[in-house]
Amino acid sequence: MAKPDLQDIKRRYGIIGNDEKLLRAIDVAIQVASTDLSVLITGESGVGKENFPKIIHDNSRRKHGVYIAVNCGAIPEGTIDSELFGHEKGAFTGAINERKGYFGEANGGTIFLDEVGELPLSTQARLLRVLESGEFIKVGSSKVEKTNVRIVAATNVDIEQAIADGRFRADLYYRLNTIPISIPPLRERGDDAVLLFRKFATDFAEGNQMPPIRLTDDAKELIRRYPWPGNVRQLKNLTEQISIIEMEREIDAKILQKYLPKVENERHLPTLFGNRGTAGGEHSFETEREILYKILFDMRSDITDLKEQIKQLSASEPAASRHQVVYNLPEEAPAVQPPAPVVTHPGIGARPSADIQEVEVAEEPKSIAEMEKEAIQNALKKHHGRRRDAAQELNISERTMYRKIKEYGLE
């Protein structure tokens, strides 16, 4: 089979850009297509990972077979084994008919497992067996079945960190990662952001019978420098938003700045919902345990700073008139409201202060659950209740979004 031309591949799959890392990723996908090796595609959310499994399948010997794309994060944990491997009639409540499952349906073809890092550990064990021997067992059955499927997986999760946290099997990672393909984030692709803006603006204008918007030189420079935490998906949404709202067709940096979220205002999101690929090398927290530790650590630091300020205030009082102010601030429970100040005079019992200037105490911080609930509510409101879009903005899986909505009674 002749190797496809790289420019033809870009045109066929709508890939815009000339970044060296992007072109390298496309070239690797073309080279590996003619084999049956498993492939693991990594990259931040919104970089366009979904194009690469199609390139691999369409240029392989399996191109006339079935191609199935499965979003592992959108399938509830209780039904994902049935979706992937099928089930027997009566295997569980609601199993009124036999189901073949994706691995049965895609025999001879390709399965794309998107968000593979979201798979439960029990499902990971089943998937490993398919990779090693091509065998699987339906839910509720004892019969071993065979399938000949090529697996391409993708994730925006740091798999090596997930392995260290016990959330992903190391042996499965090594089987999936036979050929790794890494998609660069938009902020590392230089002029590609400007090319993409032009493409999105032109496509939107043609589809809606309007003149396309254009960027001035200063706006192009702003596009290049912006870190794009949402990557290509964010840029496309922004381009369409400006195309609709702005009457002026020439967009300068001043106009563009109004539509670019301040990165500083979004930096709390990675600490609540995992890796958003923020700029500046800021650390991302992949697990709920890390999220809790980070928030509690920050809250404790705030309390420590508050105690130090109170000590300094007390030390600044003249010795003859200094009042002893007792707060009994907790070491580990920052959510507890401190008691009212108590003033002690020589020979006089403790009584509430009438003449001391009241010391302002920081407002009681919101609980972790309250902050999480509020962030989910805001995302749902922003996307008019579209759970998939809200989950993408918060960088959590749809399954997690459904679980949190039910947990907080937001249905």
Protein backbone atom coordinates (compact mmCIF):
# COMPACT_ATOMS: atom_id res chain seq x y z
CA MET A 1 0.00 0.00 0.00
CA ALA A 2 1.49 3.37 -1.05
CA LYS A 3 2.10 5.85 1.72
CA PRO A 4 -0.48 8.69 1.57
CA ASP A 5 0.76 12.24 1.03
CA LEU A 6 0.80 14.27 4.23
CA GLN A 7 -0.88 17.31 2.66
CA ASP A 8 -3.65 15.10 1.24
CA ILE A 9 -4.23 13.68 4.72
CA LYS A 10 -4.48 17.18 6.19
CA ARG A 11 -7.03 18.25 3.57
CA ARG A 12 -9.07 15.05 3.91
CA TYR A 13 -9.41 15.28 7.69
CA GLY A 14 -9.58 19.06 8.01
CA ILE A 15 -6.31 19.38 9.91
CA ILE A 16 -4.98 22.95 9.82
CA GLY A 17 -1.42 23.82 10.77
CA ASN A 18 2.24 23.46 9.95
CA ASP A 19 3.71 22.95 13.40
CA GLU A 20 6.53 20.43 13.36
CA LYS A 21 5.15 18.38 16.27
CA LEU A 22 1.72 18.21 14.66
CA LEU A 23 3.15 17.10 11.32
CA ARG A 24 5.24 14.48 13.13
CA ALA A 25 2.11 13.11 14.83
CA ILE A 26 0.32 12.83 11.46
CA ASP A 27 3.33 11.11 9.92
CA VAL A 28 3.48 8.53 12.74
CA ALA A 29 -0.25 7.82 12.32
CA ILE A 30 0.26 7.20 8.60
CA GLN A 31 3.24 4.93 9.21
CA VAL A 32 1.54 2.80 11.86
CA ALA A 33 -1.73 2.50 9.89
CA SER A 34 -0.50 -0.44 7.80
CA THR A 35 0.21 -2.52 10.93
CA ASP A 36 -2.10 -3.99 13.57
CA LEU A 37 -0.20 -2.47 16.49
CA SER A 38 -2.19 -0.77 19.24
CA VAL A 39 -1.80 3.00 19.49
CA LEU A 40 -2.16 5.40 22.43
CA ILE A 41 -2.87 9.03 21.53
CA THR A 42 -2.19 11.61 24.24
CA GLY A 43 -2.86 15.32 24.42
CA GLU A 44 -4.85 17.94 26.26
CA SER A 45 -8.60 18.23 25.90
CA GLY A 46 -9.59 20.01 22.69
CA VAL A 47 -6.43 19.38 20.63
CA GLY A 48 -8.18 17.19 18.03
CA LYS A 49 -7.19 13.67 19.09
CA GLU A 50 -10.32 12.23 17.45
CA ASN A 51 -8.89 12.78 13.92
CA PHE A 52 -5.99 10.40 14.35
CA PRO A 53 -7.86 7.08 14.88
CA LYS A 54 -9.74 7.81 11.62
CA ILE A 55 -6.46 8.40 9.80
CA ILE A 56 -5.13 5.09 11.12
CA HIS A 57 -8.28 3.10 10.27
CA ASP A 58 -8.86 4.60 6.81
CA ASN A 59 -5.28 3.90 5.73
CA SER A 60 -5.11 0.35 7.12
CA ARG A 61 -6.00 -3.07 5.76
CA ARG A 62 -9.12 -2.82 7.95
CA LYS A 63 -10.53 0.23 6.15
CA HIS A 64 -13.47 -1.77 4.79
CA GLY A 65 -14.25 -3.11 8.27
CA VAL A 66 -16.28 -1.51 11.04
CA TYR A 67 -14.95 1.57 12.81
CA ILE A 68 -16.49 2.24 16.23
CA ALA A 69 -15.64 5.24 18.44
CA VAL A 70 -16.45 4.80 22.13
CA ASN A 71 -16.31 7.60 24.69
CA CYS A 72 -15.37 5.62 27.80
CA GLY A 73 -16.00 8.60 30.07
CA ALA A 74 -19.63 8.96 28.94
CA ILE A 75 -20.73 5.39 29.77
CA PRO A 76 -21.90 4.73 33.36
CA GLU A 77 -19.57 2.42 35.26
CA GLY A 78 -22.32 -0.12 35.88
CA THR A 79 -23.01 -0.68 32.18
CA ILE A 80 -19.64 -0.19 30.49
CA ASP A 81 -18.73 -3.91 30.50
CA SER A 82 -22.03 -4.69 28.80
CA GLU A 83 -21.50 -1.93 26.23
CA LEU A 84 -17.99 -3.09 25.34
CA PHE A 85 -18.24 -6.87 25.64
CA GLY A 86 -21.99 -7.57 25.44
CA HIS A 87 -24.25 -9.53 27.80
CA GLU A 88 -26.50 -12.55 27.88
CA LYS A 89 -30.24 -12.30 28.22
CA GLY A 90 -31.16 -12.06 31.90
CA ALA A 91 -27.57 -11.28 32.98
CA PHE A 92 -28.88 -8.37 35.08
CA THR A 93 -32.06 -6.44 35.68
CA GLY A 94 -33.15 -4.89 32.38
CA ALA A 95 -31.18 -7.32 30.20
CA ILE A 96 -34.27 -8.47 28.31
CA ASN A 97 -32.28 -9.37 25.18
CA GLU A 98 -28.82 -10.59 24.33
CA ARG A 99 -26.33 -7.86 23.38
CA LYS A 100 -23.32 -8.39 21.16
CA GLY A 101 -21.15 -5.51 22.43
CA TYR A 102 -18.72 -3.27 20.58
CA PHE A 103 -15.90 -5.80 20.49
CA GLY A 104 -18.22 -8.30 18.87
CA GLU A 105 -19.60 -5.77 16.40
CA ALA A 106 -16.17 -4.47 15.39
CA ASN A 107 -14.64 -7.88 14.62
CA GLY A 108 -12.26 -7.32 11.71
CA GLY A 109 -12.33 -3.55 12.19
CA THR A 110 -11.10 -0.86 14.57
CA ILE A 111 -12.28 0.38 17.96
CA PHE A 112 -11.35 3.87 19.16
CA LEU A 113 -11.47 4.07 22.96
CA ASP A 114 -11.59 7.77 23.80
CA GLU A 115 -10.93 8.81 27.43
CA VAL A 116 -9.50 5.35 28.11
CA GLY A 117 -8.09 6.67 31.38
CA GLU A 118 -11.67 6.76 32.74
CA LEU A 119 -12.16 2.99 32.51
CA PRO A 120 -12.82 1.20 35.82
CA LEU A 121 -10.08 -1.21 36.92
CA SER A 122 -12.31 -4.25 36.39
CA THR A 123 -12.94 -3.20 32.78
CA GLN A 124 -9.23 -2.56 32.30
CA ALA A 125 -8.58 -6.22 33.17
CA ARG A 126 -11.07 -7.34 30.50
CA LEU A 127 -9.52 -5.01 27.94
CA LEU A 128 -6.04 -6.35 28.70
CA ARG A 129 -7.25 -9.88 27.91
CA VAL A 130 -8.55 -8.71 24.53
CA LEU A 131 -5.21 -7.10 23.74
CA GLU A 132 -3.22 -10.16 24.78
CA SER A 133 -5.32 -12.98 23.32
CA GLY A 134 -8.26 -11.48 21.42
CA GLU A 135 -10.61 -13.17 23.92
CA PHE A 136 -13.48 -11.80 25.98
CA ILE A 137 -16.48 -13.07 27.92
CA LYS A 138 -19.92 -11.47 27.81
CA VAL A 139 -21.50 -10.30 31.05
CA GLY A 140 -23.49 -13.20 32.49
CA SER A 141 -21.78 -15.81 30.30
CA SER A 142 -19.02 -18.36 30.84
CA LYS A 143 -18.28 -18.84 27.15
CA VAL A 144 -15.00 -17.42 25.83
CA GLU A 145 -15.43 -15.56 22.55
CA LYS A 146 -12.81 -14.39 20.06
CA THR A 147 -12.50 -11.09 18.24
CA ASN A 148 -9.99 -9.61 15.81
CA VAL A 149 -10.05 -5.91 16.60
CA ARG A 150 -7.44 -3.18 16.26
CA ILE A 151 -7.50 -0.88 19.31
CA VAL A 152 -6.63 2.80 19.19
CA ALA A 153 -6.97 4.61 22.53
CA ALA A 154 -6.76 8.26 23.56
CA THR A 155 -6.56 10.13 26.84
CA ASN A 156 -5.90 13.59 28.26
CA VAL A 157 -4.99 12.06 31.63
CA ASP A 158 -1.40 11.69 32.82
CA ILE A 159 -1.43 7.89 32.66
CA GLU A 160 1.88 7.46 34.47
CA GLN A 161 0.51 9.49 37.39
CA ALA A 162 -2.72 7.47 37.25
CA ILE A 163 -0.63 4.28 37.51
CA ALA A 164 1.18 5.69 40.55
CA ASP A 165 -2.20 6.52 42.12
CA GLY A 166 -3.50 2.99 41.46
CA ARG A 167 -6.16 4.18 39.00
CA PHE A 168 -4.70 2.57 35.88
CA ARG A 169 -3.01 -0.78 35.26
CA ALA A 170 0.63 -0.56 34.28
CA ASP A 171 0.42 -3.74 32.15
CA LEU A 172 -2.51 -2.32 30.19
CA TYR A 173 -0.64 0.94 29.63
CA TYR A 174 2.35 -0.88 28.13
CA ARG A 175 0.08 -2.91 25.82
CA LEU A 176 -1.82 0.17 24.63
CA ASN A 177 1.29 2.31 24.32
CA THR A 178 2.99 0.16 21.68
CA ILE A 179 3.02 3.19 19.38
CA PRO A 180 2.58 6.53 21.20
CA ILE A 181 1.30 9.61 19.37
CA SER A 182 1.44 12.94 21.20
CA ILE A 183 -0.66 15.87 19.95
CA PRO A 184 0.82 19.29 20.90
CA PRO A 185 -1.35 21.90 22.64
CA LEU A 186 -2.36 24.94 20.62
CA ARG A 187 -0.20 27.33 22.67
CA GLU A 188 2.91 25.50 21.39
CA ARG A 189 1.93 25.68 17.72
CA GLY A 190 2.82 29.32 16.95
CA ASP A 191 1.18 30.64 13.77
CA ASP A 192 -1.18 27.66 13.59
CA ALA A 193 -3.59 29.53 15.89
CA VAL A 194 -3.91 32.35 13.33
CA LEU A 195 -4.43 29.85 10.49
CA LEU A 196 -7.12 28.07 12.47
CA PHE A 197 -8.89 31.35 13.30
CA ARG A 198 -9.01 32.23 9.60
CA LYS A 199 -10.33 28.77 8.69
CA PHE A 200 -13.05 28.82 11.35
CA ALA A 201 -14.07 32.38 10.43
CA THR A 202 -14.32 31.52 6.73
CA ASP A 203 -16.30 28.31 7.31
CA PHE A 204 -18.73 30.06 9.65
CA ALA A 205 -19.23 32.97 7.27
CA GLU A 206 -19.95 30.67 4.33
CA GLY A 207 -22.43 28.64 6.35
CA ASN A 208 -24.32 31.73 7.53
CA GLN A 209 -24.07 33.97 4.46
CA MET A 210 -22.05 36.75 6.06
CA PRO A 211 -18.65 38.38 5.45
CA PRO A 212 -15.84 36.66 7.38
CA ILE A 213 -14.12 38.45 10.22
CA ARG A 214 -10.42 39.33 9.84
CA LEU A 215 -7.67 39.91 12.39
CA THR A 216 -5.43 42.96 12.48
CA ASP A 217 -1.69 42.45 13.10
CA ASP A 218 -1.96 43.25 16.81
CA ALA A 219 -4.87 40.81 17.16
CA LYS A 220 -2.84 38.09 15.42
CA GLU A 221 -0.03 38.64 17.92
CA LEU A 222 -2.53 38.34 20.78
CA ILE A 223 -3.84 35.08 19.29
CA ARG A 224 -0.28 33.71 19.19
CA ARG A 225 0.52 34.68 22.78
CA TYR A 226 -2.70 33.50 24.42
CA PRO A 227 -2.25 30.11 26.20
CA TRP A 228 -5.55 28.56 25.00
CA PRO A 229 -6.42 26.26 27.92
CA GLY A 230 -9.27 24.84 25.82
CA ASN A 231 -7.06 24.46 22.74
CA VAL A 232 -8.58 24.22 19.23
CA ARG A 233 -12.10 23.69 20.59
CA GLN A 234 -11.90 26.95 22.55
CA LEU A 235 -10.54 28.86 19.54
CA LYS A 236 -13.36 27.60 17.30
CA ASN A 237 -16.03 28.61 19.82
CA LEU A 238 -14.46 32.05 20.24
CA THR A 239 -14.26 32.62 16.48
CA GLU A 240 -17.93 31.80 16.00
CA GLN A 241 -18.92 33.94 18.97
CA ILE A 242 -17.11 37.00 17.61
CA SER A 243 -18.53 36.36 14.12
CA ILE A 244 -22.07 36.59 15.47
CA ILE A 245 -21.77 39.40 17.99
CA GLU A 246 -19.40 41.91 16.36
CA MET A 247 -20.77 44.08 13.58
CA GLU A 248 -17.27 45.25 12.62
CA ARG A 249 -15.58 42.65 10.39
CA GLU A 250 -12.03 43.76 11.18
CA ILE A 251 -11.09 42.56 14.67
CA ASP A 252 -8.27 44.35 16.46
CA ALA A 253 -6.59 43.38 19.73
CA LYS A 254 -8.89 45.61 21.79
CA ILE A 255 -12.00 43.86 20.48
CA LEU A 256 -10.43 40.43 20.72
CA GLN A 257 -9.35 40.99 24.32
CA LYS A 258 -13.00 41.31 25.37
CA TYR A 259 -13.64 37.69 24.31
CA LEU A 260 -10.51 36.10 25.79
CA PRO A 261 -11.04 34.83 29.34
CA LYS A 262 -8.30 35.95 31.70
CA VAL A 263 -6.18 32.91 32.42
CA GLU A 264 -5.64 34.09 36.01
CA ASN A 265 -9.40 33.87 36.59
CA GLU A 266 -9.50 30.27 35.37
CA ARG A 267 -6.59 28.90 37.33
CA HIS A 268 -8.81 27.65 40.14
CA LEU A 269 -10.36 25.15 37.73
CA PRO A 270 -7.33 22.83 37.46
CA THR A 271 -7.20 22.49 41.24
CA LEU A 272 -10.85 21.46 41.31
CA PHE A 273 -11.26 19.39 38.18
CA GLY A 274 -7.89 18.11 36.98
CA ASN A 275 -5.66 18.92 34.08
CA ARG A 276 -6.78 21.86 31.98
CA GLY A 277 -3.36 22.47 30.45
CA THR A 278 -3.02 25.98 31.88
CA ALA A 279 -0.02 28.05 31.00
CA GLY A 280 2.85 28.94 33.21
CA GLY A 281 3.75 25.43 34.28
CA GLU A 282 1.05 25.39 36.95
CA HIS A 283 0.65 21.98 38.56
CA SER A 284 -2.51 20.01 37.75
CA PHE A 285 -4.27 17.68 40.13
CA GLU A 286 -5.53 14.44 38.60
CA THR A 287 -7.33 12.80 41.50
CA GLU A 288 -10.01 13.80 43.97
CA ARG A 289 -7.59 13.02 46.80
CA GLU A 290 -5.06 15.50 45.42
CA ILE A 291 -7.84 18.07 44.97
CA LEU A 292 -8.87 17.74 48.61
CA TYR A 293 -5.30 17.91 49.85
CA LYS A 294 -4.62 21.05 47.83
CA ILE A 295 -7.74 22.88 49.01
CA LEU A 296 -7.19 21.92 52.66
CA PHE A 297 -3.55 22.97 52.43
CA ASP A 298 -4.52 26.37 51.02
CA MET A 299 -7.17 26.85 53.72
CA ARG A 300 -4.71 25.96 56.45
CA SER A 301 -2.17 28.41 55.00
CA ASP A 302 -4.80 31.17 55.13
CA ILE A 303 -5.48 30.44 58.80
CA THR A 304 -1.75 30.46 59.58
CA ASP A 305 -1.42 33.88 57.91
CA LEU A 306 -4.43 35.17 59.86
CA LYS A 307 -2.94 34.04 63.18
CA GLU A 308 0.34 35.76 62.35
CA GLN A 309 -1.49 39.00 61.56
CA ILE A 310 -3.32 38.86 64.90
CA LYS A 311 -0.03 38.33 66.75
CA GLN A 312 1.52 41.33 65.01
CA LEU A 313 -1.54 43.47 65.81
CA SER A 314 -1.36 42.46 69.45
CA ALA A 315 2.40 43.14 69.62
CA SER A 316 1.92 46.64 68.17
CA GLU A 317 -0.23 47.77 71.19
CA PRO A 318 1.56 49.87 73.91
CA ALA A 319 2.65 47.74 76.88
CA ALA A 320 0.52 49.65 79.42
CA SER A 321 -2.69 49.38 77.46
CA ARG A 322 -2.17 46.09 75.65
CA HIS A 323 -5.18 43.80 75.80
CA GLN A 324 -4.87 40.06 75.52
CA VAL A 325 -7.04 38.91 72.63
CA VAL A 326 -7.80 35.22 72.59
CA TYR A 327 -9.12 33.55 69.44
CA ASN A 328 -8.32 29.87 69.90
CA LEU A 329 -7.85 29.42 66.16
CA PRO A 330 -7.90 25.75 65.13
CA GLU A 331 -4.94 24.09 63.46
CA GLU A 332 -6.84 21.72 61.18
CA ALA A 333 -10.43 22.99 60.98
CA PRO A 334 -10.42 26.33 59.16
CA ALA A 335 -14.19 26.26 58.66
CA VAL A 336 -14.84 26.83 62.42
CA GLN A 337 -15.85 30.42 63.21
CA PRO A 338 -13.63 31.94 65.98
CA PRO A 339 -15.30 33.09 69.22
CA ALA A 340 -15.72 36.78 70.04
CA PRO A 341 -12.64 38.56 71.47
CA VAL A 342 -12.16 38.45 75.25
CA VAL A 343 -10.38 41.26 77.14
CA THR A 344 -8.53 40.61 80.41
CA HIS A 345 -7.61 43.42 82.86
CA PRO A 346 -5.52 42.95 86.02
CA GLY A 347 -7.85 42.09 88.92
CA ILE A 348 -10.94 42.11 86.77
CA GLY A 349 -12.68 39.07 85.33
CA ALA A 350 -12.86 38.50 81.62
CA ARG A 351 -15.56 40.53 79.91
CA PRO A 352 -16.43 41.51 76.33
CA SER A 353 -14.39 44.45 75.06
CA ALA A 354 -16.19 47.76 74.67
CA ASP A 355 -13.25 49.95 73.76
CA ILE A 356 -10.95 47.72 71.72
CA GLN A 357 -11.09 48.11 67.97
CA GLU A 358 -12.72 45.02 66.52
CA VAL A 359 -10.39 42.78 64.53
CA GLU A 360 -11.93 41.60 61.25
CA VAL A 361 -11.84 37.85 60.83
CA ALA A 362 -11.88 36.25 57.40
CA GLU A 363 -15.25 35.07 56.22
CA GLU A 364 -15.85 31.37 56.72
CA PRO A 365 -14.65 29.62 53.55
CA LYS A 366 -16.99 27.53 51.49
CA SER A 367 -16.78 23.78 51.86
CA ILE A 368 -15.22 21.70 49.10
CA ALA A 369 -18.63 20.32 48.14
CA GLU A 370 -20.10 23.84 47.93
CA MET A 371 -17.29 25.05 45.66
CA GLU A 372 -17.61 21.99 43.43
CA LYS A 373 -21.41 22.32 43.26
CA GLU A 374 -21.18 26.01 42.41
CA ALA A 375 -18.64 25.38 39.63
CA ILE A 376 -20.87 22.68 38.11
CA GLN A 377 -23.96 24.92 38.34
CA ASN A 378 -22.11 27.78 36.61
CA ALA A 379 -20.86 25.51 33.82
CA LEU A 380 -24.34 24.04 33.24
CA LYS A 381 -25.86 27.52 33.19
CA LYS A 382 -23.21 28.78 30.75
CA HIS A 383 -23.89 25.88 28.35
CA HIS A 384 -27.69 25.99 28.80
CA GLY A 385 -27.83 22.62 30.53
CA ARG A 386 -25.71 20.76 27.95
CA ARG A 387 -23.90 18.31 30.21
CA ARG A 388 -21.32 17.22 27.65
CA ASP A 389 -20.17 20.81 27.02
CA ALA A 390 -20.14 21.57 30.73
CA ALA A 391 -18.06 18.47 31.42
CA GLN A 392 -15.56 19.44 28.71
CA GLU A 393 -15.18 22.93 30.18
CA LEU A 394 -14.51 21.49 33.65
CA ASN A 395 -12.28 18.79 32.14
CA ILE A 396 -14.16 15.92 33.75
CA SER A 397 -15.76 12.94 32.08
CA GLU A 398 -19.47 12.88 31.28
CA ARG A 399 -19.83 9.96 33.69
CA THR A 400 -18.38 12.06 36.50
CA MET A 401 -20.62 14.98 35.51
CA TYR A 402 -23.76 12.79 35.66
CA ARG A 403 -22.68 11.42 39.05
CA LYS A 404 -22.04 14.89 40.47
CA ILE A 405 -25.36 16.24 39.15
CA LYS A 406 -27.19 13.40 40.88
CA GLU A 407 -25.11 13.77 44.05
CA TYR A 408 -25.86 17.50 44.38
CA GLY A 409 -29.49 17.25 43.27
CA LEU A 410 -28.99 19.41 40.16
CA GLU A 411 -31.17 17.27 37.88
